[in-house]
Amino acid sequence: MIMLFGFITGALARLAVPGPDPMPVWLTMAIGLTGSIGGGAIAIGMWGRNTQVVGLFAFLGAILLVVAYRRFVQKRPITGPEAHKFPVRGFGIERAQERRRQLEELARQARDAQTKGDMDSNLQKLSDLHEAGVLTDAEFEEKKAQLLSRN
């Protein structure tokens, strides 16, 4: 249960800081737990155990750890356009980049398949128009050459 709490707190802290922060699950849990312990300890030291501020400070502690991770490990800013760029260093970056490449390749394959399907469909339409006598032989060959030259 504590690990789940750490994961949820760490994930919410990551969402609170703008920009991508790809990191392994274990690091998200560690940030959530460590931030919660540190922030909660500060709140308990200042206001005692029976206060709502403990939860708030626990969350703020996790946010501060995400900010520190981004600033000192990833070496990127917290705000501005550079904060929204994909990081080049940090834990789990290589794995995230590999997954990103795989998704881009799948998207390219899907786009190519659709383009091929569109071309096949258009060639069939041209052929149907030619067979129906709407297009002459010369017009059919010209349109077919134009269609094939696009790819």
Protein backbone atom coordinates (compact mmCIF):
# COMPACT_ATOMS: atom_id res chain seq x y z
CA MET A 1 0.00 0.00 0.00
CA ILE A 2 2.87 2.36 0.78
CA MET A 3 4.40 1.70 -2.65
CA LEU A 4 1.10 2.53 -4.33
CA PHE A 5 0.87 5.75 -2.33
CA GLY A 6 4.42 6.62 -3.35
CA PHE A 7 3.67 5.91 -7.00
CA ILE A 8 0.50 8.02 -7.00
CA THR A 9 2.19 10.91 -5.21
CA GLY A 10 5.21 10.74 -7.53
CA ALA A 11 3.01 10.56 -10.63
CA LEU A 12 0.95 13.56 -9.50
CA ALA A 13 4.15 15.48 -8.73
CA ARG A 14 5.42 14.71 -12.23
CA LEU A 15 2.14 16.01 -13.68
CA ALA A 16 2.42 19.20 -11.61
CA VAL A 17 5.70 20.16 -13.30
CA PRO A 18 5.15 21.11 -16.97
CA GLY A 19 6.93 19.16 -19.70
CA PRO A 20 7.81 15.51 -20.26
CA ASP A 21 9.61 13.59 -17.52
CA PRO A 22 10.08 10.03 -18.72
CA MET A 23 11.38 7.94 -15.86
CA PRO A 24 11.05 4.37 -14.64
CA VAL A 25 8.28 3.38 -12.26
CA TRP A 26 10.76 2.78 -9.45
CA LEU A 27 12.00 6.38 -9.69
CA THR A 28 8.45 7.74 -9.68
CA MET A 29 7.78 5.71 -6.50
CA ALA A 30 11.07 6.82 -4.92
CA ILE A 31 10.33 10.49 -5.62
CA GLY A 32 6.79 10.12 -4.24
CA LEU A 33 7.90 8.33 -1.08
CA THR A 34 10.97 10.46 -0.38
CA GLY A 35 9.12 13.70 -1.03
CA SER A 36 6.24 12.56 1.16
CA ILE A 37 8.54 11.62 4.02
CA GLY A 38 10.56 14.84 3.81
CA GLY A 39 7.63 17.19 3.33
CA GLY A 40 5.51 15.35 5.89
CA ALA A 41 8.32 15.49 8.45
CA ILE A 42 8.65 19.24 7.99
CA ALA A 43 4.89 19.73 8.42
CA ILE A 44 4.78 17.51 11.52
CA GLY A 45 7.75 19.39 12.99
CA MET A 46 6.03 22.73 12.43
CA TRP A 47 2.35 21.99 13.17
CA GLY A 48 2.18 18.55 14.76
CA ARG A 49 0.68 15.27 13.58
CA ASN A 50 -3.00 16.14 13.53
CA THR A 51 -3.10 18.64 10.73
CA GLN A 52 -4.16 18.66 7.09
CA VAL A 53 -0.93 20.42 6.16
CA VAL A 54 1.01 17.13 6.37
CA GLY A 55 -0.56 15.86 3.12
CA LEU A 56 0.03 19.17 1.36
CA PHE A 57 3.67 19.33 2.42
CA ALA A 58 4.15 15.67 1.43
CA PHE A 59 2.94 16.52 -2.07
CA LEU A 60 5.04 19.70 -2.23
CA GLY A 61 8.10 17.69 -1.17
CA ALA A 62 7.55 15.31 -4.09
CA ILE A 63 7.13 18.24 -6.50
CA LEU A 64 10.41 19.73 -5.26
CA LEU A 65 12.15 16.41 -5.90
CA VAL A 66 10.81 16.32 -9.48
CA VAL A 67 12.06 19.88 -9.97
CA ALA A 68 15.47 18.92 -8.54
CA TYR A 69 15.64 15.81 -10.75
CA ARG A 70 14.88 17.86 -13.83
CA ARG A 71 17.31 20.62 -12.90
CA PHE A 72 20.29 18.58 -11.68
CA VAL A 73 19.99 15.18 -13.39
CA GLN A 74 18.30 16.06 -16.69
CA LYS A 75 19.94 19.53 -16.72
CA ARG A 76 16.90 21.27 -18.17
CA PRO A 77 14.85 24.27 -17.07
CA ILE A 78 11.61 24.06 -15.15
CA THR A 79 9.71 26.61 -17.24
CA GLY A 80 9.79 28.04 -20.74
CA PRO A 81 9.97 26.36 -24.14
CA GLU A 82 13.01 24.26 -23.23
CA ALA A 83 11.06 22.65 -20.38
CA HIS A 84 8.63 21.16 -22.90
CA LYS A 85 11.32 19.48 -25.00
CA PHE A 86 12.06 15.78 -24.58
CA PRO A 87 15.04 15.32 -22.22
CA VAL A 88 18.32 13.85 -23.45
CA ARG A 89 19.68 12.61 -20.10
CA GLY A 90 18.28 10.93 -17.04
CA PHE A 91 17.05 7.52 -15.96
CA GLY A 92 14.97 5.65 -18.55
CA ILE A 93 15.60 8.09 -21.42
CA GLU A 94 17.04 5.46 -23.76
CA ARG A 95 14.04 3.20 -23.23
CA ALA A 96 11.59 6.06 -23.76
CA GLN A 97 13.40 7.10 -26.95
CA GLU A 98 13.30 3.52 -28.24
CA ARG A 99 9.55 3.29 -27.57
CA ARG A 100 9.12 6.63 -29.30
CA ARG A 101 11.06 5.39 -32.36
CA GLN A 102 8.93 2.24 -32.47
CA LEU A 103 5.71 4.28 -32.33
CA GLU A 104 6.97 6.59 -35.07
CA GLU A 105 7.83 3.56 -37.22
CA LEU A 106 4.36 2.07 -36.65
CA ALA A 107 2.78 5.40 -37.59
CA ARG A 108 4.92 5.58 -40.75
CA GLN A 109 3.94 2.02 -41.69
CA ALA A 110 0.26 2.81 -41.14
CA ARG A 111 0.56 5.98 -43.22
CA ASP A 112 2.35 4.07 -46.02
CA ALA A 113 -0.30 1.34 -45.96
CA GLN A 114 -3.05 3.92 -46.18
CA THR A 115 -1.27 5.71 -49.02
CA LYS A 116 -0.91 2.41 -50.87
CA GLY A 117 -4.57 1.62 -50.20
CA ASP A 118 -5.56 5.07 -51.43
CA MET A 119 -3.48 4.59 -54.59
CA ASP A 120 -4.99 1.15 -55.22
CA SER A 121 -8.45 2.62 -54.71
CA ASN A 122 -7.74 5.54 -57.06
CA LEU A 123 -6.29 3.21 -59.70
CA GLN A 124 -9.43 1.09 -59.47
CA LYS A 125 -11.62 4.18 -59.88
CA LEU A 126 -9.61 5.24 -62.93
CA SER A 127 -9.94 1.75 -64.38
CA ASP A 128 -13.70 1.78 -63.76
CA LEU A 129 -14.04 5.17 -65.47
CA HIS A 130 -11.98 3.91 -68.41
CA GLU A 131 -14.07 0.74 -68.73
CA ALA A 132 -17.27 2.81 -68.55
CA GLY A 133 -16.02 4.90 -71.45
CA VAL A 134 -15.74 8.13 -69.45
CA LEU A 135 -11.96 8.27 -69.99
CA THR A 136 -10.23 7.66 -73.30
CA ASP A 137 -7.16 5.44 -73.48
CA ALA A 138 -4.89 8.50 -73.59
CA GLU A 139 -6.66 10.18 -70.64
CA PHE A 140 -6.53 6.96 -68.62
CA GLU A 141 -2.78 6.52 -69.22
CA GLU A 142 -2.09 10.19 -68.43
CA LYS A 143 -4.05 10.11 -65.13
CA LYS A 144 -2.51 6.75 -64.20
CA ALA A 145 1.01 8.15 -64.79
CA GLN A 146 0.19 11.22 -62.66
CA LEU A 147 -1.12 9.04 -59.84
CA LEU A 148 1.91 6.74 -59.91
CA SER A 149 4.37 9.65 -60.03
CA ARG A 150 3.05 11.01 -56.71
CA ASN A 151 4.57 8.07 -54.86
